[in-house]
Amino acid sequence: MTQNKQVSDIADRSVGGLITWPRGYQLLTGVYFLGRAGGLVRHFAATAGIRPGDHAIDLGCGPGRLANELARQTGPQGRVVGVDPSAPMIEYARAHAAANCTFELGAAQSLPYPDASFDVATCTFAMHHIAEEDRITALVGIFRVLRPGGRLLLADTHPATSGVRGLAIRAMAGLAAHRGGHGGGHTHDEPADALAAVDVRRYRGPLADIGFTAIEFRTGPFATGIVTAVKPD
């Protein structure tokens, strides 16, 4: 399938909010994380339980920073696929891809991969960009493509943070709700709903309903919230 056809197919589906400026996004995250975004993605990869030789998928991969870190930690015998519905992000990620890392245009809620394809799945700062009505579909798809014993990590900014960073989180949550439009189900008059959109704790119940076990929430560096779960053997 050509990239133009892929773009057309994705445009025909509701994929939520798209970020289409990879270099600007890299700059923005660099500033927000005080130049230490590399340490954060290393933390995410380790918390996801990535191991040498694993096959992993990073959903909403953006410019590919976490996917490349997963590729580094899984080593040359492993394989990582980064997926994002934004063509500019995928183009940028492909130009900066590790040898054992590929990037594909696609949406988290319509994964084309066979059952039990991956040992690890990650989705960071991306669930709130998926249209509200499609988020459970995305989680069900993740469960399907994980192997028995496979590990899932969801992460986003943590809305319980106070101070200057808390204010920044609230501003970004409002922007995310606005970008999601009707798909996110939020309005400017609903700040609590906007904050809920970035709170990964909301997925603990749905993950259990889908069949995940060992569901845990923790806070991470830079005011992040992290949920991990396991597909049972």
C-alpha atoms as a PDB file:
ATOM      1  CA  MET A   1       0.000   0.000   0.000  1.00  0.00           C
ATOM      2  CA  THR A   2       1.383   3.418  -0.915  1.00  0.00           C
ATOM      3  CA  GLN A   3       1.803   6.068   1.764  1.00  0.00           C
ATOM      4  CA  ASN A   4      -0.708   8.347  -0.009  1.00  0.00           C
ATOM      5  CA  LYS A   5      -3.289   5.531   0.087  1.00  0.00           C
ATOM      6  CA  GLN A   6      -2.504   4.919   3.769  1.00  0.00           C
ATOM      7  CA  VAL A   7      -2.973   8.613   4.547  1.00  0.00           C
ATOM      8  CA  SER A   8      -6.293   8.598   2.695  1.00  0.00           C
ATOM      9  CA  ASP A   9      -7.488   5.493   4.541  1.00  0.00           C
ATOM     10  CA  ILE A  10      -6.567   6.946   7.932  1.00  0.00           C
ATOM     11  CA  ALA A  11      -8.194  10.262   7.083  1.00  0.00           C
ATOM     12  CA  ASP A  12     -11.428   8.359   6.441  1.00  0.00           C
ATOM     13  CA  ARG A  13     -11.444   7.138  10.058  1.00  0.00           C
ATOM     14  CA  SER A  14     -11.792   9.116  13.273  1.00  0.00           C
ATOM     15  CA  VAL A  15      -8.319   9.069  14.803  1.00  0.00           C
ATOM     16  CA  GLY A  16      -8.697  11.961  17.248  1.00  0.00           C
ATOM     17  CA  GLY A  17      -6.178  14.777  17.425  1.00  0.00           C
ATOM     18  CA  LEU A  18      -3.084  14.619  15.213  1.00  0.00           C
ATOM     19  CA  ILE A  19       0.272  16.299  15.856  1.00  0.00           C
ATOM     20  CA  THR A  20       1.919  17.019  12.514  1.00  0.00           C
ATOM     21  CA  TRP A  21       5.018  19.039  13.478  1.00  0.00           C
ATOM     22  CA  PRO A  22       7.721  16.584  14.621  1.00  0.00           C
ATOM     23  CA  ARG A  23      10.603  19.037  14.962  1.00  0.00           C
ATOM     24  CA  GLY A  24       8.476  21.494  16.919  1.00  0.00           C
ATOM     25  CA  TYR A  25       7.203  18.649  19.075  1.00  0.00           C
ATOM     26  CA  GLN A  26      10.765  17.548  19.813  1.00  0.00           C
ATOM     27  CA  LEU A  27      11.629  21.107  20.826  1.00  0.00           C
ATOM     28  CA  LEU A  28       8.511  21.475  22.977  1.00  0.00           C
ATOM     29  CA  THR A  29       9.084  18.214  24.845  1.00  0.00           C
ATOM     30  CA  GLY A  30      12.756  19.071  25.257  1.00  0.00           C
ATOM     31  CA  VAL A  31      11.807  22.299  27.003  1.00  0.00           C
ATOM     32  CA  TYR A  32       9.033  20.722  29.089  1.00  0.00           C
ATOM     33  CA  PHE A  33      11.306  17.925  30.304  1.00  0.00           C
ATOM     34  CA  LEU A  34      14.239  20.307  30.871  1.00  0.00           C
ATOM     35  CA  GLY A  35      16.412  18.552  28.317  1.00  0.00           C
ATOM     36  CA  ARG A  36      16.052  15.196  30.093  1.00  0.00           C
ATOM     37  CA  ALA A  37      13.456  13.493  27.909  1.00  0.00           C
ATOM     38  CA  GLY A  38      16.006  10.753  27.228  1.00  0.00           C
ATOM     39  CA  GLY A  39      15.977   9.776  30.893  1.00  0.00           C
ATOM     40  CA  LEU A  40      12.191   9.659  30.871  1.00  0.00           C
ATOM     41  CA  VAL A  41      11.973   7.298  27.901  1.00  0.00           C
ATOM     42  CA  ARG A  42      14.616   5.066  29.487  1.00  0.00           C
ATOM     43  CA  HIS A  43      12.422   4.952  32.582  1.00  0.00           C
ATOM     44  CA  PHE A  44       9.352   4.069  30.505  1.00  0.00           C
ATOM     45  CA  ALA A  45      11.193   1.308  28.654  1.00  0.00           C
ATOM     46  CA  ALA A  46      12.521  -0.232  31.858  1.00  0.00           C
ATOM     47  CA  THR A  47       9.138   0.044  33.603  1.00  0.00           C
ATOM     48  CA  ALA A  48       7.480  -1.679  30.629  1.00  0.00           C
ATOM     49  CA  GLY A  49       9.750  -4.651  31.297  1.00  0.00           C
ATOM     50  CA  ILE A  50      11.505  -4.662  27.939  1.00  0.00           C
ATOM     51  CA  ARG A  51      14.020  -7.514  27.706  1.00  0.00           C
ATOM     52  CA  PRO A  52      16.695  -8.563  25.217  1.00  0.00           C
ATOM     53  CA  GLY A  53      15.115 -10.221  22.196  1.00  0.00           C
ATOM     54  CA  ASP A  54      11.604  -8.889  22.839  1.00  0.00           C
ATOM     55  CA  HIS A  55       9.267  -7.725  20.101  1.00  0.00           C
ATOM     56  CA  ALA A  56       7.608  -4.449  21.078  1.00  0.00           C
ATOM     57  CA  ILE A  57       5.094  -1.988  19.692  1.00  0.00           C
ATOM     58  CA  ASP A  58       4.893   1.702  20.581  1.00  0.00           C
ATOM     59  CA  LEU A  59       1.480   3.204  19.795  1.00  0.00           C
ATOM     60  CA  GLY A  60       1.243   6.921  19.100  1.00  0.00           C
ATOM     61  CA  CYS A  61       5.009   6.824  18.682  1.00  0.00           C
ATOM     62  CA  GLY A  62       5.331  10.414  17.447  1.00  0.00           C
ATOM     63  CA  PRO A  63       8.892  11.177  16.346  1.00  0.00           C
ATOM     64  CA  GLY A  64      10.112   7.822  17.646  1.00  0.00           C
ATOM     65  CA  ARG A  65      12.091   8.608  20.782  1.00  0.00           C
ATOM     66  CA  LEU A  66      10.587   5.838  22.964  1.00  0.00           C
ATOM     67  CA  ALA A  67      10.468   3.303  20.130  1.00  0.00           C
ATOM     68  CA  ASN A  68      14.179   3.802  19.504  1.00  0.00           C
ATOM     69  CA  GLU A  69      14.908   3.388  23.217  1.00  0.00           C
ATOM     70  CA  LEU A  70      12.897   0.169  23.273  1.00  0.00           C
ATOM     71  CA  ALA A  71      14.936  -0.974  20.274  1.00  0.00           C
ATOM     72  CA  ARG A  72      18.166  -0.163  22.107  1.00  0.00           C
ATOM     73  CA  GLN A  73      17.117  -2.085  25.215  1.00  0.00           C
ATOM     74  CA  THR A  74      15.778  -5.129  23.357  1.00  0.00           C
ATOM     75  CA  GLY A  75      19.019  -5.386  21.397  1.00  0.00           C
ATOM     76  CA  PRO A  76      19.811  -6.639  17.894  1.00  0.00           C
ATOM     77  CA  GLN A  77      17.798  -9.840  18.333  1.00  0.00           C
ATOM     78  CA  GLY A  78      14.670  -7.849  19.181  1.00  0.00           C
ATOM     79  CA  ARG A  79      12.289  -5.880  17.002  1.00  0.00           C
ATOM     80  CA  VAL A  80      10.255  -2.735  17.604  1.00  0.00           C
ATOM     81  CA  VAL A  81       7.410  -1.229  15.582  1.00  0.00           C
ATOM     82  CA  GLY A  82       6.333   2.374  16.094  1.00  0.00           C
ATOM     83  CA  VAL A  83       2.813   3.278  14.960  1.00  0.00           C
ATOM     84  CA  ASP A  84       1.332   6.747  14.540  1.00  0.00           C
ATOM     85  CA  PRO A  85      -1.514   8.199  12.426  1.00  0.00           C
ATOM     86  CA  SER A  86       0.494  11.341  11.613  1.00  0.00           C
ATOM     87  CA  ALA A  87       2.373  11.021   8.305  1.00  0.00           C
ATOM     88  CA  PRO A  88       4.903  13.796   9.154  1.00  0.00           C
ATOM     89  CA  MET A  89       5.722  12.056  12.438  1.00  0.00           C
ATOM     90  CA  ILE A  90       6.285   8.723  10.704  1.00  0.00           C
ATOM     91  CA  GLU A  91       8.425  10.337   8.012  1.00  0.00           C
ATOM     92  CA  TYR A  92      10.596  11.971  10.682  1.00  0.00           C
ATOM     93  CA  ALA A  93      10.791   8.777  12.761  1.00  0.00           C
ATOM     94  CA  ARG A  94      11.844   6.685   9.769  1.00  0.00           C
ATOM     95  CA  ALA A  95      14.676   9.105   9.053  1.00  0.00           C
ATOM     96  CA  HIS A  96      15.970   8.619  12.616  1.00  0.00           C
ATOM     97  CA  ALA A  97      15.185   4.914  13.125  1.00  0.00           C
ATOM     98  CA  ALA A  98      17.432   2.418  14.871  1.00  0.00           C
ATOM     99  CA  ALA A  99      18.425  -0.628  12.811  1.00  0.00           C
ATOM    100  CA  ASN A 100      15.910  -2.929  14.530  1.00  0.00           C
ATOM    101  CA  CYS A 101      13.091  -0.390  14.622  1.00  0.00           C
ATOM    102  CA  THR A 102      10.468   0.278  11.928  1.00  0.00           C
ATOM    103  CA  PHE A 103       7.747   2.896  11.796  1.00  0.00           C
ATOM    104  CA  GLU A 104       4.330   2.443  10.233  1.00  0.00           C
ATOM    105  CA  LEU A 105       1.446   4.786   9.568  1.00  0.00           C
ATOM    106  CA  GLY A 106      -1.614   3.565  11.428  1.00  0.00           C
ATOM    107  CA  ALA A 107      -4.111   4.074  14.233  1.00  0.00           C
ATOM    108  CA  ALA A 108      -4.050   2.359  17.628  1.00  0.00           C
ATOM    109  CA  GLN A 109      -7.713   1.428  17.327  1.00  0.00           C
ATOM    110  CA  SER A 110      -7.241  -0.553  14.097  1.00  0.00           C
ATOM    111  CA  LEU A 111      -4.059  -2.592  14.450  1.00  0.00           C
ATOM    112  CA  PRO A 112      -3.396  -4.893  11.463  1.00  0.00           C
ATOM    113  CA  TYR A 113      -0.953  -7.216  13.254  1.00  0.00           C
ATOM    114  CA  PRO A 114      -1.623 -10.910  13.913  1.00  0.00           C
ATOM    115  CA  ASP A 115      -2.678 -12.140  17.336  1.00  0.00           C
ATOM    116  CA  ALA A 116       0.141 -12.593  19.877  1.00  0.00           C
ATOM    117  CA  SER A 117       2.732 -10.638  17.864  1.00  0.00           C
ATOM    118  CA  PHE A 118       4.416  -8.626  20.632  1.00  0.00           C
ATOM    119  CA  ASP A 119       5.927  -9.063  24.086  1.00  0.00           C
ATOM    120  CA  VAL A 120       5.590  -5.402  25.070  1.00  0.00           C
ATOM    121  CA  ALA A 121       3.187  -2.608  24.106  1.00  0.00           C
ATOM    122  CA  THR A 122       3.616   1.020  25.119  1.00  0.00           C
ATOM    123  CA  CYS A 123       1.419   4.060  24.608  1.00  0.00           C
ATOM    124  CA  THR A 124       2.702   7.296  26.129  1.00  0.00           C
ATOM    125  CA  PHE A 125       1.143  10.775  25.936  1.00  0.00           C
ATOM    126  CA  ALA A 126      -1.161   9.426  23.231  1.00  0.00           C
ATOM    127  CA  MET A 127      -4.350   7.850  24.608  1.00  0.00           C
ATOM    128  CA  HIS A 128      -5.984  11.264  25.033  1.00  0.00           C
ATOM    129  CA  HIS A 129      -5.447  11.941  21.318  1.00  0.00           C
ATOM    130  CA  ILE A 130      -7.602   8.924  20.406  1.00  0.00           C
ATOM    131  CA  ALA A 131     -11.293   9.726  20.001  1.00  0.00           C
ATOM    132  CA  GLU A 132     -13.089   8.919  23.248  1.00  0.00           C
ATOM    133  CA  GLU A 133     -15.347   6.313  21.668  1.00  0.00           C
ATOM    134  CA  ASP A 134     -12.360   4.432  20.226  1.00  0.00           C
ATOM    135  CA  ARG A 135     -10.135   4.150  23.309  1.00  0.00           C
ATOM    136  CA  ILE A 136     -11.538   0.853  24.564  1.00  0.00           C
ATOM    137  CA  THR A 137     -11.274  -0.537  21.026  1.00  0.00           C
ATOM    138  CA  ALA A 138      -7.587   0.417  21.079  1.00  0.00           C
ATOM    139  CA  LEU A 139      -7.027  -1.346  24.413  1.00  0.00           C
ATOM    140  CA  VAL A 140      -8.825  -4.474  23.168  1.00  0.00           C
ATOM    141  CA  GLY A 141      -6.582  -4.455  20.096  1.00  0.00           C
ATOM    142  CA  ILE A 142      -3.482  -4.144  22.259  1.00  0.00           C
ATOM    143  CA  PHE A 143      -4.607  -7.134  24.322  1.00  0.00           C
ATOM    144  CA  ARG A 144      -5.084  -9.133  21.115  1.00  0.00           C
ATOM    145  CA  VAL A 145      -1.634  -8.433  19.656  1.00  0.00           C
ATOM    146  CA  LEU A 146       0.209  -9.105  22.922  1.00  0.00           C
ATOM    147  CA  ARG A 147       1.531 -12.584  23.556  1.00  0.00           C
ATOM    148  CA  PRO A 148       0.497 -14.406  26.747  1.00  0.00           C
ATOM    149  CA  GLY A 149       2.613 -12.877  29.482  1.00  0.00           C
ATOM    150  CA  GLY A 150       3.002  -9.691  27.414  1.00  0.00           C
ATOM    151  CA  ARG A 151       3.344  -6.359  29.207  1.00  0.00           C
ATOM    152  CA  LEU A 152       1.508  -3.092  28.605  1.00  0.00           C
ATOM    153  CA  LEU A 153       2.556   0.406  29.704  1.00  0.00           C
ATOM    154  CA  LEU A 154       0.294   3.452  29.442  1.00  0.00           C
ATOM    155  CA  ALA A 155       1.671   6.819  30.523  1.00  0.00           C
ATOM    156  CA  ASP A 156       0.646  10.456  30.415  1.00  0.00           C
ATOM    157  CA  THR A 157       1.007  13.619  32.432  1.00  0.00           C
ATOM    158  CA  HIS A 158      -0.402  13.263  35.948  1.00  0.00           C
ATOM    159  CA  PRO A 159      -3.174  15.780  36.701  1.00  0.00           C
ATOM    160  CA  ALA A 160      -2.718  15.652  40.493  1.00  0.00           C
ATOM    161  CA  THR A 161       0.524  17.639  40.214  1.00  0.00           C
ATOM    162  CA  SER A 162       0.633  21.081  41.843  1.00  0.00           C
ATOM    163  CA  GLY A 163       2.706  24.206  41.284  1.00  0.00           C
ATOM    164  CA  VAL A 164       3.989  25.519  37.965  1.00  0.00           C
ATOM    165  CA  ARG A 165       4.142  22.051  36.389  1.00  0.00           C
ATOM    166  CA  GLY A 166       0.566  21.414  37.489  1.00  0.00           C
ATOM    167  CA  LEU A 167      -0.547  24.610  35.760  1.00  0.00           C
ATOM    168  CA  ALA A 168       1.287  23.523  32.605  1.00  0.00           C
ATOM    169  CA  ILE A 169      -0.439  20.147  32.742  1.00  0.00           C
ATOM    170  CA  ARG A 170      -3.835  21.786  33.023  1.00  0.00           C
ATOM    171  CA  ALA A 171      -3.076  24.040  30.063  1.00  0.00           C
ATOM    172  CA  MET A 172      -1.926  21.096  27.939  1.00  0.00           C
ATOM    173  CA  ALA A 173      -4.958  19.038  28.971  1.00  0.00           C
ATOM    174  CA  GLY A 174      -7.258  21.838  27.817  1.00  0.00           C
ATOM    175  CA  LEU A 175      -5.381  22.016  24.519  1.00  0.00           C
ATOM    176  CA  ALA A 176      -5.666  18.244  24.091  1.00  0.00           C
ATOM    177  CA  ALA A 177      -9.411  18.387  24.712  1.00  0.00           C
ATOM    178  CA  HIS A 178      -9.757  21.180  22.157  1.00  0.00           C
ATOM    179  CA  ARG A 179      -7.664  19.293  19.557  1.00  0.00           C
ATOM    180  CA  GLY A 180      -9.759  16.166  20.090  1.00  0.00           C
ATOM    181  CA  GLY A 181     -12.921  18.099  19.154  1.00  0.00           C
ATOM    182  CA  HIS A 182     -16.121  16.099  19.340  1.00  0.00           C
ATOM    183  CA  GLY A 183     -14.108  12.869  19.387  1.00  0.00           C
ATOM    184  CA  GLY A 184     -12.748  13.742  22.827  1.00  0.00           C
ATOM    185  CA  GLY A 185     -16.171  14.672  24.103  1.00  0.00           C
ATOM    186  CA  HIS A 186     -14.891  17.752  25.953  1.00  0.00           C
ATOM    187  CA  THR A 187     -15.560  21.490  25.809  1.00  0.00           C
ATOM    188  CA  HIS A 188     -13.797  24.567  27.136  1.00  0.00           C
ATOM    189  CA  ASP A 189     -16.421  24.651  29.899  1.00  0.00           C
ATOM    190  CA  GLU A 190     -15.404  21.243  31.235  1.00  0.00           C
ATOM    191  CA  PRO A 191     -11.852  21.548  32.680  1.00  0.00           C
ATOM    192  CA  ALA A 192     -12.358  18.545  34.946  1.00  0.00           C
ATOM    193  CA  ASP A 193     -13.141  16.379  31.905  1.00  0.00           C
ATOM    194  CA  ALA A 194     -10.070  17.738  30.121  1.00  0.00           C
ATOM    195  CA  LEU A 195      -7.894  16.693  33.054  1.00  0.00           C
ATOM    196  CA  ALA A 196      -9.579  13.286  33.158  1.00  0.00           C
ATOM    197  CA  ALA A 197      -8.564  12.741  29.534  1.00  0.00           C
ATOM    198  CA  VAL A 198      -4.859  12.665  30.474  1.00  0.00           C
ATOM    199  CA  ASP A 199      -5.325  10.637  33.684  1.00  0.00           C
ATOM    200  CA  VAL A 200      -4.315   7.067  32.884  1.00  0.00           C
ATOM    201  CA  ARG A 201      -5.851   5.824  36.135  1.00  0.00           C
ATOM    202  CA  ARG A 202      -9.188   5.857  34.308  1.00  0.00           C
ATOM    203  CA  TYR A 203      -8.098   2.797  32.291  1.00  0.00           C
ATOM    204  CA  ARG A 204      -7.564   0.435  35.236  1.00  0.00           C
ATOM    205  CA  GLY A 205     -11.173  -0.765  35.234  1.00  0.00           C
ATOM    206  CA  PRO A 206     -11.435  -1.222  31.454  1.00  0.00           C
ATOM    207  CA  LEU A 207      -8.106  -3.075  31.399  1.00  0.00           C
ATOM    208  CA  ALA A 208      -9.400  -5.509  34.016  1.00  0.00           C
ATOM    209  CA  ASP A 209     -12.638  -5.976  32.057  1.00  0.00           C
ATOM    210  CA  ILE A 210     -10.646  -6.766  28.909  1.00  0.00           C
ATOM    211  CA  GLY A 211      -8.654  -9.445  30.735  1.00  0.00           C
ATOM    212  CA  PHE A 212      -5.414  -7.784  31.821  1.00  0.00           C
ATOM    213  CA  THR A 213      -4.014  -8.677  35.242  1.00  0.00           C
ATOM    214  CA  ALA A 214      -1.333  -7.249  37.571  1.00  0.00           C
ATOM    215  CA  ILE A 215      -2.676  -3.753  36.877  1.00  0.00           C
ATOM    216  CA  GLU A 216      -0.652  -1.145  38.765  1.00  0.00           C
ATOM    217  CA  PHE A 217      -0.507   2.640  38.859  1.00  0.00           C
ATOM    218  CA  ARG A 218       2.544   4.645  39.871  1.00  0.00           C
ATOM    219  CA  THR A 219       3.871   8.140  39.396  1.00  0.00           C
ATOM    220  CA  GLY A 220       6.994   8.610  37.331  1.00  0.00           C
ATOM    221  CA  PRO A 221       9.551  11.326  36.640  1.00  0.00           C
ATOM    222  CA  PHE A 222       8.391  14.751  35.462  1.00  0.00           C
ATOM    223  CA  ALA A 223       4.883  14.449  36.893  1.00  0.00           C
ATOM    224  CA  THR A 224       3.899  11.440  34.813  1.00  0.00           C
ATOM    225  CA  GLY A 225       1.326   8.812  35.673  1.00  0.00           C
ATOM    226  CA  ILE A 226       2.042   5.235  34.612  1.00  0.00           C
ATOM    227  CA  VAL A 227      -0.247   2.211  34.419  1.00  0.00           C
ATOM    228  CA  THR A 228       1.264  -1.212  33.776  1.00  0.00           C
ATOM    229  CA  ALA A 229      -0.620  -4.445  33.125  1.00  0.00           C
ATOM    230  CA  VAL A 230       0.022  -8.010  31.987  1.00  0.00           C
ATOM    231  CA  LYS A 231      -1.823 -10.288  29.565  1.00  0.00           C
ATOM    232  CA  PRO A 232      -2.149 -13.538  31.512  1.00  0.00           C
ATOM    233  CA  ASP A 233      -0.451 -16.704  30.304  1.00  0.00           C
END
